[in-house]
Amino acid sequence: METLPSRVFNNGNSQAVRIPAEFRLDTDRVTITRNDAGDLVIHPLRMQRGTALVQALKALGDVDDDFVAALESEQRAPLQAQEREAL
């Protein structure tokens, strides 16, 4: 298993960890747990972008199926990585 050093910094009242590019996540949400050894474990969550919109459109019934399929496909697509300035 690869191990890389990283930085911890304050972001408002929270702490944040800079994730190296080698460990880039393809989601915007994670769960964080602490195991018995005290290690933090990060689990990526599937993106939920546009879920309410897709559900509302399906409930209408009159909406074009191709349009809903295109929205669902876009929902599953990964977000573009943000460019950040290196420290």
PDB file of N, CA and C in Angstrom:
ATOM      1  N   MET A   1       0.845  -1.176   0.000  1.00  0.00           N
ATOM      2  CA  MET A   1       0.000   0.000   0.000  1.00  0.00           C
ATOM      3  C   MET A   1       0.892   1.242   0.000  1.00  0.00           C
ATOM      4  N   GLU A   2       0.598   2.169  -0.883  1.00  0.00           N
ATOM      5  CA  GLU A   2       1.386   3.389  -1.000  1.00  0.00           C
ATOM      6  C   GLU A   2       1.061   4.346   0.149  1.00  0.00           C
ATOM      7  N   THR A   3       2.077   5.008   0.671  1.00  0.00           N
ATOM      8  CA  THR A   3       1.910   5.994   1.727  1.00  0.00           C
ATOM      9  C   THR A   3       2.614   7.273   1.315  1.00  0.00           C
ATOM     10  N   LEU A   4       1.915   8.399   1.415  1.00  0.00           N
ATOM     11  CA  LEU A   4       2.490   9.695   1.077  1.00  0.00           C
ATOM     12  C   LEU A   4       2.224  10.676   2.213  1.00  0.00           C
ATOM     13  N   PRO A   5       3.161  11.575   2.491  1.00  0.00           N
ATOM     14  CA  PRO A   5       2.902  12.605   3.505  1.00  0.00           C
ATOM     15  C   PRO A   5       1.959  13.665   2.938  1.00  0.00           C
ATOM     16  N   SER A   6       1.252  14.333   3.814  1.00  0.00           N
ATOM     17  CA  SER A   6       0.360  15.405   3.401  1.00  0.00           C
ATOM     18  C   SER A   6       0.302  16.449   4.500  1.00  0.00           C
ATOM     19  N   ARG A   7      -0.475  17.500   4.260  1.00  0.00           N
ATOM     20  CA  ARG A   7      -0.580  18.593   5.229  1.00  0.00           C
ATOM     21  C   ARG A   7      -1.973  18.653   5.810  1.00  0.00           C
ATOM     22  N   VAL A   8      -2.044  19.062   7.063  1.00  0.00           N
ATOM     23  CA  VAL A   8      -3.305  19.328   7.744  1.00  0.00           C
ATOM     24  C   VAL A   8      -3.362  20.825   7.970  1.00  0.00           C
ATOM     25  N   PHE A   9      -4.523  21.443   7.676  1.00  0.00           N
ATOM     26  CA  PHE A   9      -4.645  22.888   7.862  1.00  0.00           C
ATOM     27  C   PHE A   9      -6.046  23.211   8.360  1.00  0.00           C
ATOM     28  N   ASN A  10      -6.200  24.406   8.904  1.00  0.00           N
ATOM     29  CA  ASN A  10      -7.500  24.856   9.393  1.00  0.00           C
ATOM     30  C   ASN A  10      -8.269  25.506   8.263  1.00  0.00           C
ATOM     31  N   ASN A  11      -9.563  25.204   8.230  1.00  0.00           N
ATOM     32  CA  ASN A  11     -10.475  25.783   7.256  1.00  0.00           C
ATOM     33  C   ASN A  11     -11.698  26.235   8.049  1.00  0.00           C
ATOM     34  N   GLY A  12     -11.697  27.482   8.469  1.00  0.00           N
ATOM     35  CA  GLY A  12     -12.745  27.950   9.376  1.00  0.00           C
ATOM     36  C   GLY A  12     -12.571  27.275  10.718  1.00  0.00           C
ATOM     37  N   ASN A  13     -13.643  26.683  11.247  1.00  0.00           N
ATOM     38  CA  ASN A  13     -13.571  25.968  12.521  1.00  0.00           C
ATOM     39  C   ASN A  13     -13.256  24.488  12.344  1.00  0.00           C
ATOM     40  N   SER A  14     -12.991  24.065  11.111  1.00  0.00           N
ATOM     41  CA  SER A  14     -12.711  22.652  10.829  1.00  0.00           C
ATOM     42  C   SER A  14     -11.261  22.469  10.422  1.00  0.00           C
ATOM     43  N   GLN A  15     -10.818  21.239  10.482  1.00  0.00           N
ATOM     44  CA  GLN A  15      -9.513  20.884   9.945  1.00  0.00           C
ATOM     45  C   GLN A  15      -9.729  20.258   8.579  1.00  0.00           C
ATOM     46  N   ALA A  16      -8.762  20.431   7.700  1.00  0.00           N
ATOM     47  CA  ALA A  16      -8.807  19.821   6.373  1.00  0.00           C
ATOM     48  C   ALA A  16      -7.468  19.162   6.105  1.00  0.00           C
ATOM     49  N   VAL A  17      -7.501  18.143   5.263  1.00  0.00           N
ATOM     50  CA  VAL A  17      -6.293  17.428   4.878  1.00  0.00           C
ATOM     51  C   VAL A  17      -6.141  17.561   3.371  1.00  0.00           C
ATOM     52  N   ARG A  18      -4.973  17.938   2.929  1.00  0.00           N
ATOM     53  CA  ARG A  18      -4.703  18.016   1.492  1.00  0.00           C
ATOM     54  C   ARG A  18      -4.484  16.594   0.998  1.00  0.00           C
ATOM     55  N   ILE A  19      -5.272  16.190   0.001  1.00  0.00           N
ATOM     56  CA  ILE A  19      -5.159  14.837  -0.551  1.00  0.00           C
ATOM     57  C   ILE A  19      -4.258  14.901  -1.775  1.00  0.00           C
ATOM     58  N   PRO A  20      -3.148  14.153  -1.762  1.00  0.00           N
ATOM     59  CA  PRO A  20      -2.246  14.162  -2.924  1.00  0.00           C
ATOM     60  C   PRO A  20      -2.956  13.670  -4.190  1.00  0.00           C
ATOM     61  N   ALA A  21      -2.488  14.125  -5.342  1.00  0.00           N
ATOM     62  CA  ALA A  21      -3.104  13.773  -6.624  1.00  0.00           C
ATOM     63  C   ALA A  21      -3.190  12.267  -6.827  1.00  0.00           C
ATOM     64  N   GLU A  22      -2.235  11.528  -6.307  1.00  0.00           N
ATOM     65  CA  GLU A  22      -2.237  10.071  -6.465  1.00  0.00           C
ATOM     66  C   GLU A  22      -3.452   9.415  -5.800  1.00  0.00           C
ATOM     67  N   PHE A  23      -4.054  10.103  -4.834  1.00  0.00           N
ATOM     68  CA  PHE A  23      -5.217   9.577  -4.119  1.00  0.00           C
ATOM     69  C   PHE A  23      -6.486  10.361  -4.430  1.00  0.00           C
ATOM     70  N   ARG A  24      -6.489  11.071  -5.545  1.00  0.00           N
ATOM     71  CA  ARG A  24      -7.632  11.919  -5.916  1.00  0.00           C
ATOM     72  C   ARG A  24      -8.938  11.128  -5.851  1.00  0.00           C
ATOM     73  N   LEU A  25      -9.979  11.749  -5.305  1.00  0.00           N
ATOM     74  CA  LEU A  25     -11.294  11.126  -5.181  1.00  0.00           C
ATOM     75  C   LEU A  25     -12.182  11.583  -6.331  1.00  0.00           C
ATOM     76  N   ASP A  26     -13.062  10.724  -6.806  1.00  0.00           N
ATOM     77  CA  ASP A  26     -13.974  11.091  -7.893  1.00  0.00           C
ATOM     78  C   ASP A  26     -15.369  11.395  -7.357  1.00  0.00           C
ATOM     79  N   THR A  27     -15.419  11.992  -6.190  1.00  0.00           N
ATOM     80  CA  THR A  27     -16.687  12.332  -5.555  1.00  0.00           C
ATOM     81  C   THR A  27     -16.525  13.627  -4.770  1.00  0.00           C
ATOM     82  N   ASP A  28     -17.636  14.214  -4.363  1.00  0.00           N
ATOM     83  CA  ASP A  28     -17.568  15.431  -3.557  1.00  0.00           C
ATOM     84  C   ASP A  28     -18.002  15.187  -2.114  1.00  0.00           C
ATOM     85  N   ARG A  29     -18.287  13.920  -1.760  1.00  0.00           N
ATOM     86  CA  ARG A  29     -18.699  13.591  -0.397  1.00  0.00           C
ATOM     87  C   ARG A  29     -18.007  12.316   0.052  1.00  0.00           C
ATOM     88  N   VAL A  30     -17.665  12.254   1.334  1.00  0.00           N
ATOM     89  CA  VAL A  30     -17.032  11.075   1.924  1.00  0.00           C
ATOM     90  C   VAL A  30     -17.610  10.848   3.312  1.00  0.00           C
ATOM     91  N   THR A  31     -17.417   9.631   3.831  1.00  0.00           N
ATOM     92  CA  THR A  31     -17.648   9.394   5.247  1.00  0.00           C
ATOM     93  C   THR A  31     -16.279   9.180   5.880  1.00  0.00           C
ATOM     94  N   ILE A  32     -16.137   9.606   7.116  1.00  0.00           N
ATOM     95  CA  ILE A  32     -14.882   9.452   7.846  1.00  0.00           C
ATOM     96  C   ILE A  32     -15.184   8.718   9.136  1.00  0.00           C
ATOM     97  N   THR A  33     -14.440   7.652   9.361  1.00  0.00           N
ATOM     98  CA  THR A  33     -14.589   6.891  10.601  1.00  0.00           C
ATOM     99  C   THR A  33     -13.216   6.727  11.231  1.00  0.00           C
ATOM    100  N   ARG A  34     -13.209   6.373  12.495  1.00  0.00           N
ATOM    101  CA  ARG A  34     -11.960   6.089  13.202  1.00  0.00           C
ATOM    102  C   ARG A  34     -12.010   4.621  13.615  1.00  0.00           C
ATOM    103  N   ASN A  35     -10.989   3.849  13.230  1.00  0.00           N
ATOM    104  CA  ASN A  35     -10.978   2.418  13.566  1.00  0.00           C
ATOM    105  C   ASN A  35     -10.433   2.215  14.980  1.00  0.00           C
ATOM    106  N   ASP A  36     -10.362   0.960  15.412  1.00  0.00           N
ATOM    107  CA  ASP A  36      -9.932   0.643  16.775  1.00  0.00           C
ATOM    108  C   ASP A  36      -8.494   1.075  17.054  1.00  0.00           C
ATOM    109  N   ALA A  37      -7.671   1.130  16.003  1.00  0.00           N
ATOM    110  CA  ALA A  37      -6.276   1.556  16.170  1.00  0.00           C
ATOM    111  C   ALA A  37      -6.142   3.080  16.220  1.00  0.00           C
ATOM    112  N   GLY A  38      -7.259   3.798  16.017  1.00  0.00           N
ATOM    113  CA  GLY A  38      -7.228   5.262  16.045  1.00  0.00           C
ATOM    114  C   GLY A  38      -6.984   5.899  14.688  1.00  0.00           C
ATOM    115  N   ASP A  39      -6.872   5.075  13.627  1.00  0.00           N
ATOM    116  CA  ASP A  39      -6.652   5.601  12.283  1.00  0.00           C
ATOM    117  C   ASP A  39      -7.943   6.166  11.709  1.00  0.00           C
ATOM    118  N   LEU A  40      -7.832   7.248  10.942  1.00  0.00           N
ATOM    119  CA  LEU A  40      -8.980   7.779  10.224  1.00  0.00           C
ATOM    120  C   LEU A  40      -9.105   7.030   8.908  1.00  0.00           C
ATOM    121  N   VAL A  41     -10.323   6.636   8.579  1.00  0.00           N
ATOM    122  CA  VAL A  41     -10.591   5.913   7.339  1.00  0.00           C
ATOM    123  C   VAL A  41     -11.601   6.732   6.541  1.00  0.00           C
ATOM    124  N   ILE A  42     -11.252   7.037   5.285  1.00  0.00           N
ATOM    125  CA  ILE A  42     -12.114   7.847   4.413  1.00  0.00           C
ATOM    126  C   ILE A  42     -12.736   6.934   3.362  1.00  0.00           C
ATOM    127  N   HIS A  43     -14.067   6.975   3.257  1.00  0.00           N
ATOM    128  CA  HIS A  43     -14.795   6.193   2.260  1.00  0.00           C
ATOM    129  C   HIS A  43     -15.531   7.152   1.329  1.00  0.00           C
ATOM    130  N   PRO A  44     -15.191   7.154   0.026  1.00  0.00           N
ATOM    131  CA  PRO A  44     -15.915   8.006  -0.927  1.00  0.00           C
ATOM    132  C   PRO A  44     -17.376   7.578  -1.024  1.00  0.00           C
ATOM    133  N   LEU A  45     -18.275   8.555  -1.153  1.00  0.00           N
ATOM    134  CA  LEU A  45     -19.697   8.287  -1.363  1.00  0.00           C
ATOM    135  C   LEU A  45     -20.044   8.605  -2.813  1.00  0.00           C
ATOM    136  N   ARG A  46     -20.972   7.849  -3.375  1.00  0.00           N
ATOM    137  CA  ARG A  46     -21.427   8.098  -4.735  1.00  0.00           C
ATOM    138  C   ARG A  46     -22.071   9.483  -4.795  1.00  0.00           C
ATOM    139  N   MET A  47     -21.811  10.197  -5.861  1.00  0.00           N
ATOM    140  CA  MET A  47     -22.355  11.544  -6.002  1.00  0.00           C
ATOM    141  C   MET A  47     -23.875  11.508  -6.137  1.00  0.00           C
ATOM    142  N   GLN A  48     -24.526  12.484  -5.541  1.00  0.00           N
ATOM    143  CA  GLN A  48     -25.982  12.569  -5.580  1.00  0.00           C
ATOM    144  C   GLN A  48     -26.442  13.806  -6.346  1.00  0.00           C
ATOM    145  N   ARG A  49     -25.599  14.279  -7.276  1.00  0.00           N
ATOM    146  CA  ARG A  49     -25.941  15.491  -8.014  1.00  0.00           C
ATOM    147  C   ARG A  49     -27.248  15.323  -8.790  1.00  0.00           C
ATOM    148  N   GLY A  50     -28.168  16.214  -8.588  1.00  0.00           N
ATOM    149  CA  GLY A  50     -29.392  16.258  -9.379  1.00  0.00           C
ATOM    150  C   GLY A  50     -30.410  15.181  -9.065  1.00  0.00           C
ATOM    151  N   THR A  51     -30.237  14.447  -7.980  1.00  0.00           N
ATOM    152  CA  THR A  51     -31.164  13.358  -7.669  1.00  0.00           C
ATOM    153  C   THR A  51     -32.599  13.871  -7.524  1.00  0.00           C
ATOM    154  N   ALA A  52     -32.785  14.966  -6.824  1.00  0.00           N
ATOM    155  CA  ALA A  52     -34.139  15.507  -6.620  1.00  0.00           C
ATOM    156  C   ALA A  52     -34.754  15.926  -7.955  1.00  0.00           C
ATOM    157  N   LEU A  53     -33.958  16.515  -8.841  1.00  0.00           N
ATOM    158  CA  LEU A  53     -34.465  16.941 -10.144  1.00  0.00           C
ATOM    159  C   LEU A  53     -34.900  15.727 -10.966  1.00  0.00           C
ATOM    160  N   VAL A  54     -34.085  14.705 -11.011  1.00  0.00           N
ATOM    161  CA  VAL A  54     -34.420  13.499 -11.775  1.00  0.00           C
ATOM    162  C   VAL A  54     -35.689  12.862 -11.214  1.00  0.00           C
ATOM    163  N   GLN A  55     -35.809  12.776  -9.902  1.00  0.00           N
ATOM    164  CA  GLN A  55     -37.006  12.186  -9.289  1.00  0.00           C
ATOM    165  C   GLN A  55     -38.253  13.001  -9.616  1.00  0.00           C
ATOM    166  N   ALA A  56     -38.141  14.333  -9.573  1.00  0.00           N
ATOM    167  CA  ALA A  56     -39.283  15.198  -9.885  1.00  0.00           C
ATOM    168  C   ALA A  56     -39.700  15.035 -11.348  1.00  0.00           C
ATOM    169  N   LEU A  57     -38.729  14.949 -12.244  1.00  0.00           N
ATOM    170  CA  LEU A  57     -39.051  14.785 -13.658  1.00  0.00           C
ATOM    171  C   LEU A  57     -39.723  13.440 -13.923  1.00  0.00           C
ATOM    172  N   LYS A  58     -39.238  12.397 -13.270  1.00  0.00           N
ATOM    173  CA  LYS A  58     -39.856  11.081 -13.438  1.00  0.00           C
ATOM    174  C   LYS A  58     -41.292  11.087 -12.913  1.00  0.00           C
ATOM    175  N   ALA A  59     -41.536  11.817 -11.821  1.00  0.00           N
ATOM    176  CA  ALA A  59     -42.874  11.873 -11.235  1.00  0.00           C
ATOM    177  C   ALA A  59     -43.862  12.576 -12.167  1.00  0.00           C
ATOM    178  N   LEU A  60     -43.385  13.500 -12.999  1.00  0.00           N
ATOM    179  CA  LEU A  60     -44.263  14.210 -13.927  1.00  0.00           C
ATOM    180  C   LEU A  60     -44.826  13.269 -14.990  1.00  0.00           C
ATOM    181  N   GLY A  61     -44.034  12.303 -15.391  1.00  0.00           N
ATOM    182  CA  GLY A  61     -44.509  11.315 -16.348  1.00  0.00           C
ATOM    183  C   GLY A  61     -44.497  11.757 -17.795  1.00  0.00           C
ATOM    184  N   ASP A  62     -44.703  13.056 -18.082  1.00  0.00           N
ATOM    185  CA  ASP A  62     -44.764  13.534 -19.463  1.00  0.00           C
ATOM    186  C   ASP A  62     -43.381  13.855 -20.018  1.00  0.00           C
ATOM    187  N   VAL A  63     -42.360  13.762 -19.212  1.00  0.00           N
ATOM    188  CA  VAL A  63     -41.030  14.210 -19.597  1.00  0.00           C
ATOM    189  C   VAL A  63     -40.383  13.199 -20.547  1.00  0.00           C
ATOM    190  N   ASP A  64     -39.680  13.713 -21.519  1.00  0.00           N
ATOM    191  CA  ASP A  64     -38.987  12.894 -22.516  1.00  0.00           C
ATOM    192  C   ASP A  64     -38.008  11.933 -21.835  1.00  0.00           C
ATOM    193  N   ASP A  65     -38.132  10.641 -22.116  1.00  0.00           N
ATOM    194  CA  ASP A  65     -37.272   9.625 -21.495  1.00  0.00           C
ATOM    195  C   ASP A  65     -35.802   9.824 -21.844  1.00  0.00           C
ATOM    196  N   ASP A  66     -35.520  10.299 -23.063  1.00  0.00           N
ATOM    197  CA  ASP A  66     -34.131  10.544 -23.460  1.00  0.00           C
ATOM    198  C   ASP A  66     -33.510  11.658 -22.616  1.00  0.00           C
ATOM    199  N   PHE A  67     -34.333  12.675 -22.292  1.00  0.00           N
ATOM    200  CA  PHE A  67     -33.851  13.780 -21.470  1.00  0.00           C
ATOM    201  C   PHE A  67     -33.511  13.289 -20.064  1.00  0.00           C
ATOM    202  N   VAL A  68     -34.383  12.487 -19.475  1.00  0.00           N
ATOM    203  CA  VAL A  68     -34.140  11.944 -18.137  1.00  0.00           C
ATOM    204  C   VAL A  68     -32.913  11.035 -18.163  1.00  0.00           C
ATOM    205  N   ALA A  69     -32.761  10.216 -19.212  1.00  0.00           N
ATOM    206  CA  ALA A  69     -31.599   9.340 -19.332  1.00  0.00           C
ATOM    207  C   ALA A  69     -30.312  10.156 -19.429  1.00  0.00           C
ATOM    208  N   ALA A  70     -30.351  11.274 -20.173  1.00  0.00           N
ATOM    209  CA  ALA A  70     -29.175  12.142 -20.287  1.00  0.00           C
ATOM    210  C   ALA A  70     -28.829  12.753 -18.933  1.00  0.00           C
ATOM    211  N   LEU A  71     -29.832  13.168 -18.165  1.00  0.00           N
ATOM    212  CA  LEU A  71     -29.579  13.717 -16.826  1.00  0.00           C
ATOM    213  C   LEU A  71     -28.975  12.661 -15.906  1.00  0.00           C
ATOM    214  N   GLU A  72     -29.502  11.451 -15.967  1.00  0.00           N
ATOM    215  CA  GLU A  72     -28.968  10.378 -15.121  1.00  0.00           C
ATOM    216  C   GLU A  72     -27.528  10.047 -15.495  1.00  0.00           C
ATOM    217  N   SER A  73     -27.228  10.073 -16.784  1.00  0.00           N
ATOM    218  CA  SER A  73     -25.857   9.829 -17.246  1.00  0.00           C
ATOM    219  C   SER A  73     -24.917  10.923 -16.740  1.00  0.00           C
ATOM    220  N   GLU A  74     -25.361  12.164 -16.825  1.00  0.00           N
ATOM    221  CA  GLU A  74     -24.558  13.299 -16.332  1.00  0.00           C
ATOM    222  C   GLU A  74     -24.346  13.188 -14.830  1.00  0.00           C
ATOM    223  N   GLN A  75     -25.367  12.705 -14.124  1.00  0.00           N
ATOM    224  CA  GLN A  75     -25.280  12.561 -12.665  1.00  0.00           C
ATOM    225  C   GLN A  75     -24.181  11.576 -12.286  1.00  0.00           C
ATOM    226  N   ARG A  76     -23.995  10.512 -13.077  1.00  0.00           N
ATOM    227  CA  ARG A  76     -22.985   9.499 -12.780  1.00  0.00           C
ATOM    228  C   ARG A  76     -21.581   9.917 -13.200  1.00  0.00           C
ATOM    229  N   ALA A  77     -21.464  10.920 -14.066  1.00  0.00           N
ATOM    230  CA  ALA A  77     -20.151  11.348 -14.570  1.00  0.00           C
ATOM    231  C   ALA A  77     -19.362  12.025 -13.451  1.00  0.00           C
ATOM    232  N   PRO A  78     -18.050  11.780 -13.388  1.00  0.00           N
ATOM    233  CA  PRO A  78     -17.239  12.418 -12.340  1.00  0.00           C
ATOM    234  C   PRO A  78     -17.117  13.926 -12.564  1.00  0.00           C
ATOM    235  N   LEU A  79     -17.018  14.653 -11.463  1.00  0.00           N
ATOM    236  CA  LEU A  79     -16.788  16.097 -11.553  1.00  0.00           C
ATOM    237  C   LEU A  79     -15.360  16.367 -12.003  1.00  0.00           C
ATOM    238  N   GLN A  80     -15.162  17.473 -12.704  1.00  0.00           N
ATOM    239  CA  GLN A  80     -13.825  17.874 -13.110  1.00  0.00           C
ATOM    240  C   GLN A  80     -13.030  18.284 -11.858  1.00  0.00           C
ATOM    241  N   ALA A  81     -11.773  17.902 -11.817  1.00  0.00           N
ATOM    242  CA  ALA A  81     -10.919  18.279 -10.695  1.00  0.00           C
ATOM    243  C   ALA A  81     -10.642  19.780 -10.746  1.00  0.00           C
ATOM    244  N   GLN A  82     -10.661  20.404  -9.591  1.00  0.00           N
ATOM    245  CA  GLN A  82     -10.363  21.827  -9.511  1.00  0.00           C
ATOM    246  C   GLN A  82      -8.858  22.033  -9.534  1.00  0.00           C
ATOM    247  N   GLU A  83      -8.434  23.051 -10.255  1.00  0.00           N
ATOM    248  CA  GLU A  83      -7.029  23.417 -10.252  1.00  0.00           C
ATOM    249  C   GLU A  83      -6.740  24.216  -8.991  1.00  0.00           C
ATOM    250  N   ARG A  84      -5.727  23.818  -8.254  1.00  0.00           N
ATOM    251  CA  ARG A  84      -5.364  24.509  -7.023  1.00  0.00           C
ATOM    252  C   ARG A  84      -3.904  24.940  -7.099  1.00  0.00           C
ATOM    253  N   GLU A  85      -3.607  25.997  -6.410  1.00  0.00           N
ATOM    254  CA  GLU A  85      -2.231  26.489  -6.345  1.00  0.00           C
ATOM    255  C   GLU A  85      -1.437  25.620  -5.368  1.00  0.00           C
ATOM    256  N   ALA A  86      -0.261  25.199  -5.793  1.00  0.00           N
ATOM    257  CA  ALA A  86       0.583  24.384  -4.919  1.00  0.00           C
ATOM    258  C   ALA A  86       1.161  25.239  -3.799  1.00  0.00           C
ATOM    259  N   LEU A  87       1.340  24.624  -2.637  1.00  0.00           N
ATOM    260  CA  LEU A  87       1.916  25.343  -1.501  1.00  0.00           C
ATOM    261  C   LEU A  87       3.409  25.325  -1.551  1.00  0.00           C
TER     262      LEU A  87
END
